[in-house]
Amino acid sequence: MLPKQHKFTSPAEFSRTIKRGRRAGSRTVVVHLLDRSGTPDADIAVTGGPRVGLIVSKAVGNAVIRHRTSRRLRHVCAALIDAPSPTIPRTCDVVIRALPAAGTASTSELTRDIRKALRKVGIPDVR
């Protein structure tokens, strides 16, 4: 489970990140990243750390598959945020949109694809 300070709290945050952020995709996910360091919200971003939002539509599968995919994505995001050296900068907002292939992907595949997409959007220290 992601702590509250690492979650989006309104649909407007999703929209802002998707519209203004950089985007990169892989086989199972599309990652949108918005760095808020130059905005008035920067002080909130620094104190709360990176924030993550997930989009898992019906295209991924039925309710059981969607919930399982969401749990796996949350687990991957928590690992990226709570690592000894956090992967995602504190001033960033990230939206991860699951593609239909995410429904059948394993946790290791999702991890690999998210890390790959984060490297594409400009976070170089993703391992």
N, C-alpha and C. Protein backbone atom coordinates (compact mmCIF):
# COMPACT_ATOMS: atom_id res chain seq x y z
N MET A 1 0.83 -1.18 0.00
CA MET A 1 0.00 0.00 0.00
C MET A 1 0.88 1.24 0.00
N LEU A 2 0.50 2.21 -0.79
CA LEU A 2 1.25 3.46 -0.82
C LEU A 2 0.75 4.39 0.29
N PRO A 3 1.66 5.05 1.00
CA PRO A 3 1.24 6.03 1.99
C PRO A 3 0.49 7.19 1.34
N LYS A 4 -0.34 7.88 2.10
CA LYS A 4 -1.19 8.93 1.56
C LYS A 4 -0.39 10.03 0.87
N GLN A 5 0.77 10.39 1.39
CA GLN A 5 1.55 11.47 0.80
C GLN A 5 2.10 11.11 -0.58
N HIS A 6 2.03 9.84 -0.96
CA HIS A 6 2.52 9.40 -2.27
C HIS A 6 1.39 9.11 -3.25
N LYS A 7 0.16 9.49 -2.90
CA LYS A 7 -0.99 9.25 -3.78
C LYS A 7 -1.54 10.56 -4.30
N PHE A 8 -2.14 10.50 -5.49
CA PHE A 8 -2.88 11.65 -6.00
C PHE A 8 -4.18 11.76 -5.21
N THR A 9 -4.65 13.01 -5.03
CA THR A 9 -5.86 13.21 -4.26
C THR A 9 -7.03 13.74 -5.08
N SER A 10 -6.79 14.11 -6.34
CA SER A 10 -7.89 14.64 -7.15
C SER A 10 -7.69 14.29 -8.62
N PRO A 11 -8.78 14.23 -9.36
CA PRO A 11 -8.68 13.98 -10.80
C PRO A 11 -7.89 15.07 -11.53
N ALA A 12 -7.87 16.28 -11.00
CA ALA A 12 -7.12 17.36 -11.63
C ALA A 12 -5.62 17.06 -11.66
N GLU A 13 -5.14 16.36 -10.64
CA GLU A 13 -3.71 16.01 -10.61
C GLU A 13 -3.38 15.01 -11.71
N PHE A 14 -4.28 14.08 -11.96
CA PHE A 14 -4.09 13.14 -13.06
C PHE A 14 -4.04 13.92 -14.38
N SER A 15 -5.01 14.79 -14.59
CA SER A 15 -5.09 15.54 -15.84
C SER A 15 -3.85 16.40 -16.06
N ARG A 16 -3.42 17.10 -15.02
CA ARG A 16 -2.25 17.97 -15.14
C ARG A 16 -1.00 17.16 -15.50
N THR A 17 -0.82 16.03 -14.86
CA THR A 17 0.37 15.22 -15.12
C THR A 17 0.34 14.65 -16.54
N ILE A 18 -0.82 14.19 -16.98
CA ILE A 18 -0.93 13.61 -18.31
C ILE A 18 -0.76 14.68 -19.40
N LYS A 19 -1.35 15.85 -19.19
CA LYS A 19 -1.29 16.91 -20.21
C LYS A 19 0.06 17.60 -20.28
N ARG A 20 0.67 17.89 -19.13
CA ARG A 20 1.91 18.67 -19.11
C ARG A 20 3.18 17.83 -19.02
N GLY A 21 3.05 16.59 -18.61
CA GLY A 21 4.24 15.76 -18.37
C GLY A 21 4.79 15.11 -19.62
N ARG A 22 5.95 14.51 -19.45
CA ARG A 22 6.56 13.72 -20.52
C ARG A 22 5.99 12.32 -20.47
N ARG A 23 5.97 11.65 -21.61
CA ARG A 23 5.35 10.34 -21.71
C ARG A 23 6.31 9.36 -22.37
N ALA A 24 6.30 8.13 -21.86
CA ALA A 24 7.06 7.05 -22.48
C ALA A 24 6.30 5.75 -22.24
N GLY A 25 6.38 4.87 -23.18
CA GLY A 25 5.65 3.61 -23.07
C GLY A 25 6.54 2.40 -23.18
N SER A 26 5.96 1.30 -22.81
CA SER A 26 6.60 -0.01 -22.97
C SER A 26 5.48 -0.98 -23.35
N ARG A 27 5.76 -2.25 -23.29
CA ARG A 27 4.77 -3.24 -23.71
C ARG A 27 3.55 -3.28 -22.80
N THR A 28 3.74 -3.03 -21.51
CA THR A 28 2.64 -3.20 -20.55
C THR A 28 2.13 -1.91 -19.94
N VAL A 29 2.91 -0.83 -19.97
CA VAL A 29 2.49 0.42 -19.31
C VAL A 29 2.91 1.64 -20.12
N VAL A 30 2.22 2.74 -19.85
CA VAL A 30 2.63 4.06 -20.32
C VAL A 30 2.85 4.90 -19.07
N VAL A 31 3.99 5.56 -18.99
CA VAL A 31 4.35 6.37 -17.83
C VAL A 31 4.34 7.84 -18.23
N HIS A 32 3.62 8.65 -17.45
CA HIS A 32 3.60 10.10 -17.61
C HIS A 32 4.32 10.68 -16.40
N LEU A 33 5.29 11.57 -16.62
CA LEU A 33 6.07 12.14 -15.53
C LEU A 33 6.05 13.66 -15.64
N LEU A 34 5.71 14.33 -14.53
CA LEU A 34 5.72 15.78 -14.47
C LEU A 34 6.59 16.21 -13.31
N ASP A 35 7.62 17.00 -13.60
CA ASP A 35 8.48 17.53 -12.55
C ASP A 35 7.91 18.88 -12.11
N ARG A 36 7.53 18.97 -10.84
CA ARG A 36 6.89 20.18 -10.33
C ARG A 36 7.87 21.10 -9.63
N SER A 37 9.17 20.95 -9.85
CA SER A 37 10.15 21.75 -9.12
C SER A 37 10.07 23.23 -9.46
N GLY A 38 9.57 23.62 -10.62
CA GLY A 38 9.50 25.03 -10.99
C GLY A 38 8.11 25.63 -10.83
N THR A 39 7.21 24.93 -10.14
CA THR A 39 5.84 25.41 -10.00
C THR A 39 5.56 25.88 -8.58
N PRO A 40 4.44 26.57 -8.36
CA PRO A 40 4.09 26.99 -6.99
C PRO A 40 3.86 25.81 -6.04
N ASP A 41 3.58 24.61 -6.58
CA ASP A 41 3.36 23.43 -5.73
C ASP A 41 4.66 22.76 -5.31
N ALA A 42 5.80 23.34 -5.64
CA ALA A 42 7.08 22.68 -5.40
C ALA A 42 7.32 22.38 -3.93
N ASP A 43 6.92 23.28 -3.02
CA ASP A 43 7.16 23.04 -1.60
C ASP A 43 6.35 21.84 -1.11
N ILE A 44 5.17 21.62 -1.65
CA ILE A 44 4.37 20.45 -1.29
C ILE A 44 5.06 19.19 -1.80
N ALA A 45 5.59 19.27 -3.02
CA ALA A 45 6.23 18.10 -3.61
C ALA A 45 7.47 17.68 -2.83
N VAL A 46 8.24 18.65 -2.36
CA VAL A 46 9.47 18.32 -1.64
C VAL A 46 9.15 17.68 -0.30
N THR A 47 8.15 18.18 0.42
CA THR A 47 7.84 17.62 1.72
C THR A 47 7.15 16.26 1.62
N GLY A 48 6.32 16.08 0.61
CA GLY A 48 5.57 14.83 0.50
C GLY A 48 6.26 13.76 -0.29
N GLY A 49 7.23 14.12 -1.07
CA GLY A 49 7.89 13.14 -1.90
C GLY A 49 7.16 12.93 -3.21
N PRO A 50 7.59 11.99 -4.02
CA PRO A 50 6.93 11.77 -5.31
C PRO A 50 5.51 11.25 -5.10
N ARG A 51 4.63 11.63 -6.02
CA ARG A 51 3.25 11.15 -5.95
C ARG A 51 2.96 10.30 -7.17
N VAL A 52 2.16 9.27 -6.98
CA VAL A 52 1.88 8.30 -8.03
C VAL A 52 0.38 8.12 -8.19
N GLY A 53 -0.06 8.02 -9.43
CA GLY A 53 -1.44 7.71 -9.74
C GLY A 53 -1.48 6.56 -10.73
N LEU A 54 -2.45 5.68 -10.58
CA LEU A 54 -2.57 4.52 -11.45
C LEU A 54 -3.87 4.59 -12.24
N ILE A 55 -3.80 4.18 -13.51
CA ILE A 55 -4.98 4.06 -14.35
C ILE A 55 -5.00 2.64 -14.88
N VAL A 56 -6.02 1.88 -14.49
CA VAL A 56 -6.18 0.50 -14.95
C VAL A 56 -7.60 0.39 -15.48
N SER A 57 -7.75 0.43 -16.80
CA SER A 57 -9.08 0.45 -17.41
C SER A 57 -9.62 -0.95 -17.63
N LYS A 58 -10.86 -1.01 -18.10
CA LYS A 58 -11.50 -2.29 -18.38
C LYS A 58 -10.82 -3.03 -19.53
N ALA A 59 -10.02 -2.32 -20.32
CA ALA A 59 -9.30 -2.98 -21.41
C ALA A 59 -8.28 -3.99 -20.88
N VAL A 60 -7.86 -3.82 -19.62
CA VAL A 60 -6.87 -4.73 -19.02
C VAL A 60 -7.50 -6.08 -18.73
N GLY A 61 -8.77 -6.11 -18.38
CA GLY A 61 -9.44 -7.37 -18.08
C GLY A 61 -10.62 -7.16 -17.16
N ASN A 62 -11.14 -8.27 -16.65
CA ASN A 62 -12.29 -8.16 -15.75
C ASN A 62 -11.84 -7.60 -14.39
N ALA A 63 -12.76 -7.47 -13.46
CA ALA A 63 -12.47 -6.82 -12.18
C ALA A 63 -11.35 -7.52 -11.41
N VAL A 64 -11.34 -8.83 -11.43
CA VAL A 64 -10.31 -9.58 -10.70
C VAL A 64 -8.93 -9.27 -11.28
N ILE A 65 -8.82 -9.27 -12.59
CA ILE A 65 -7.53 -9.00 -13.24
C ILE A 65 -7.12 -7.55 -13.02
N ARG A 66 -8.07 -6.62 -13.10
CA ARG A 66 -7.75 -5.20 -12.89
C ARG A 66 -7.24 -4.96 -11.47
N HIS A 67 -7.90 -5.55 -10.49
CA HIS A 67 -7.46 -5.36 -9.10
C HIS A 67 -6.10 -6.01 -8.85
N ARG A 68 -5.88 -7.17 -9.42
CA ARG A 68 -4.57 -7.82 -9.28
C ARG A 68 -3.48 -6.97 -9.93
N THR A 69 -3.77 -6.43 -11.10
CA THR A 69 -2.80 -5.57 -11.79
C THR A 69 -2.53 -4.30 -10.98
N SER A 70 -3.57 -3.71 -10.41
CA SER A 70 -3.39 -2.52 -9.57
C SER A 70 -2.52 -2.81 -8.36
N ARG A 71 -2.75 -3.94 -7.71
CA ARG A 71 -1.93 -4.31 -6.55
C ARG A 71 -0.48 -4.48 -6.95
N ARG A 72 -0.24 -5.13 -8.08
CA ARG A 72 1.14 -5.32 -8.54
C ARG A 72 1.80 -3.98 -8.86
N LEU A 73 1.07 -3.08 -9.52
CA LEU A 73 1.62 -1.77 -9.86
C LEU A 73 1.92 -0.96 -8.59
N ARG A 74 1.02 -1.01 -7.60
CA ARG A 74 1.27 -0.32 -6.34
C ARG A 74 2.52 -0.87 -5.65
N HIS A 75 2.68 -2.19 -5.69
CA HIS A 75 3.85 -2.82 -5.08
C HIS A 75 5.13 -2.33 -5.76
N VAL A 76 5.13 -2.28 -7.07
CA VAL A 76 6.30 -1.81 -7.82
C VAL A 76 6.60 -0.35 -7.48
N CYS A 77 5.56 0.48 -7.45
CA CYS A 77 5.74 1.90 -7.13
C CYS A 77 6.27 2.10 -5.71
N ALA A 78 5.75 1.34 -4.78
CA ALA A 78 6.23 1.44 -3.39
C ALA A 78 7.71 1.06 -3.32
N ALA A 79 8.11 0.06 -4.06
CA ALA A 79 9.52 -0.35 -4.07
C ALA A 79 10.40 0.75 -4.66
N LEU A 80 9.92 1.44 -5.68
CA LEU A 80 10.70 2.52 -6.29
C LEU A 80 10.81 3.73 -5.36
N ILE A 81 9.76 3.99 -4.60
CA ILE A 81 9.74 5.16 -3.71
C ILE A 81 10.49 4.88 -2.42
N ASP A 82 10.34 3.69 -1.85
CA ASP A 82 10.91 3.38 -0.54
C ASP A 82 12.29 2.74 -0.61
N ALA A 83 12.90 2.74 -1.76
CA ALA A 83 14.23 2.16 -1.89
C ALA A 83 15.22 2.99 -1.06
N PRO A 84 16.36 2.38 -0.66
CA PRO A 84 17.36 3.13 0.11
C PRO A 84 17.78 4.43 -0.59
N SER A 85 17.91 4.38 -1.89
CA SER A 85 18.12 5.61 -2.67
C SER A 85 16.93 5.72 -3.61
N PRO A 86 15.92 6.55 -3.27
CA PRO A 86 14.70 6.61 -4.06
C PRO A 86 14.97 6.88 -5.53
N THR A 87 14.26 6.17 -6.37
CA THR A 87 14.46 6.25 -7.80
C THR A 87 13.81 7.49 -8.40
N ILE A 88 12.61 7.81 -7.93
CA ILE A 88 11.85 8.92 -8.48
C ILE A 88 12.13 10.17 -7.64
N PRO A 89 12.52 11.27 -8.28
CA PRO A 89 12.78 12.51 -7.52
C PRO A 89 11.56 12.96 -6.72
N ARG A 90 11.80 13.62 -5.60
CA ARG A 90 10.73 14.03 -4.69
C ARG A 90 9.76 15.03 -5.31
N THR A 91 10.19 15.77 -6.31
CA THR A 91 9.35 16.81 -6.91
C THR A 91 8.56 16.32 -8.12
N CYS A 92 8.48 15.02 -8.31
CA CYS A 92 7.83 14.48 -9.51
C CYS A 92 6.46 13.88 -9.20
N ASP A 93 5.58 14.02 -10.17
CA ASP A 93 4.30 13.32 -10.18
C ASP A 93 4.37 12.30 -11.30
N VAL A 94 3.88 11.10 -11.04
CA VAL A 94 3.92 10.02 -12.02
C VAL A 94 2.54 9.41 -12.16
N VAL A 95 2.09 9.26 -13.40
CA VAL A 95 0.86 8.51 -13.68
C VAL A 95 1.28 7.29 -14.49
N ILE A 96 0.85 6.13 -14.04
CA ILE A 96 1.13 4.89 -14.75
C ILE A 96 -0.19 4.34 -15.27
N ARG A 97 -0.26 4.25 -16.60
CA ARG A 97 -1.46 3.73 -17.25
C ARG A 97 -1.16 2.32 -17.74
N ALA A 98 -1.93 1.36 -17.25
CA ALA A 98 -1.73 -0.04 -17.62
C ALA A 98 -2.33 -0.29 -19.00
N LEU A 99 -1.59 -0.96 -19.83
CA LEU A 99 -2.07 -1.38 -21.15
C LEU A 99 -2.66 -2.78 -21.03
N PRO A 100 -3.42 -3.25 -22.02
CA PRO A 100 -4.03 -4.59 -21.92
C PRO A 100 -3.04 -5.71 -21.60
N ALA A 101 -1.81 -5.60 -22.07
CA ALA A 101 -0.81 -6.64 -21.80
C ALA A 101 -0.43 -6.72 -20.32
N ALA A 102 -0.71 -5.66 -19.56
CA ALA A 102 -0.38 -5.66 -18.13
C ALA A 102 -1.20 -6.68 -17.36
N GLY A 103 -2.37 -7.03 -17.86
CA GLY A 103 -3.23 -7.99 -17.18
C GLY A 103 -2.63 -9.38 -17.08
N THR A 104 -1.79 -9.74 -18.02
CA THR A 104 -1.18 -11.07 -18.02
C THR A 104 0.30 -11.03 -17.64
N ALA A 105 0.82 -9.84 -17.37
CA ALA A 105 2.24 -9.71 -17.05
C ALA A 105 2.51 -10.04 -15.59
N SER A 106 3.70 -10.56 -15.34
CA SER A 106 4.11 -10.85 -13.97
C SER A 106 4.62 -9.56 -13.32
N THR A 107 4.83 -9.62 -12.02
CA THR A 107 5.35 -8.46 -11.29
C THR A 107 6.73 -8.07 -11.80
N SER A 108 7.56 -9.04 -12.10
CA SER A 108 8.91 -8.73 -12.59
C SER A 108 8.85 -8.06 -13.97
N GLU A 109 7.92 -8.47 -14.81
CA GLU A 109 7.76 -7.83 -16.12
C GLU A 109 7.27 -6.39 -15.96
N LEU A 110 6.32 -6.19 -15.05
CA LEU A 110 5.83 -4.83 -14.81
C LEU A 110 6.95 -3.94 -14.25
N THR A 111 7.74 -4.48 -13.34
CA THR A 111 8.86 -3.73 -12.78
C THR A 111 9.83 -3.33 -13.88
N ARG A 112 10.19 -4.28 -14.71
CA ARG A 112 11.13 -4.01 -15.81
C ARG A 112 10.58 -2.94 -16.75
N ASP A 113 9.31 -3.04 -17.10
CA ASP A 113 8.71 -2.10 -18.04
C ASP A 113 8.57 -0.70 -17.44
N ILE A 114 8.24 -0.60 -16.15
CA ILE A 114 8.14 0.71 -15.51
C ILE A 114 9.51 1.36 -15.43
N ARG A 115 10.51 0.60 -15.05
CA ARG A 115 11.87 1.14 -14.98
C ARG A 115 12.36 1.60 -16.36
N LYS A 116 12.05 0.83 -17.37
CA LYS A 116 12.43 1.18 -18.74
C LYS A 116 11.75 2.48 -19.17
N ALA A 117 10.46 2.61 -18.88
CA ALA A 117 9.73 3.83 -19.24
C ALA A 117 10.24 5.04 -18.46
N LEU A 118 10.57 4.86 -17.18
CA LEU A 118 11.12 5.97 -16.39
C LEU A 118 12.46 6.44 -16.95
N ARG A 119 13.28 5.51 -17.41
CA ARG A 119 14.54 5.91 -18.05
C ARG A 119 14.27 6.72 -19.31
N LYS A 120 13.26 6.32 -20.08
CA LYS A 120 12.91 7.03 -21.31
C LYS A 120 12.44 8.46 -21.06
N VAL A 121 11.73 8.70 -19.96
CA VAL A 121 11.23 10.04 -19.67
C VAL A 121 12.26 10.92 -18.99
N GLY A 122 13.43 10.38 -18.70
CA GLY A 122 14.50 11.23 -18.21
C GLY A 122 14.95 11.01 -16.79
N ILE A 123 14.62 9.91 -16.18
CA ILE A 123 15.15 9.60 -14.85
C ILE A 123 16.27 8.58 -15.05
N PRO A 124 17.52 9.06 -15.04
CA PRO A 124 18.63 8.18 -15.43
C PRO A 124 19.04 7.13 -14.41
N ASP A 125 18.73 7.32 -13.13
CA ASP A 125 19.23 6.42 -12.09
C ASP A 125 18.35 5.22 -11.82
N VAL A 126 17.45 4.90 -12.74
CA VAL A 126 16.57 3.77 -12.55
C VAL A 126 17.33 2.50 -12.88
N ARG A 127 17.35 1.58 -11.92
CA ARG A 127 18.09 0.32 -12.14
C ARG A 127 17.12 -0.82 -12.24
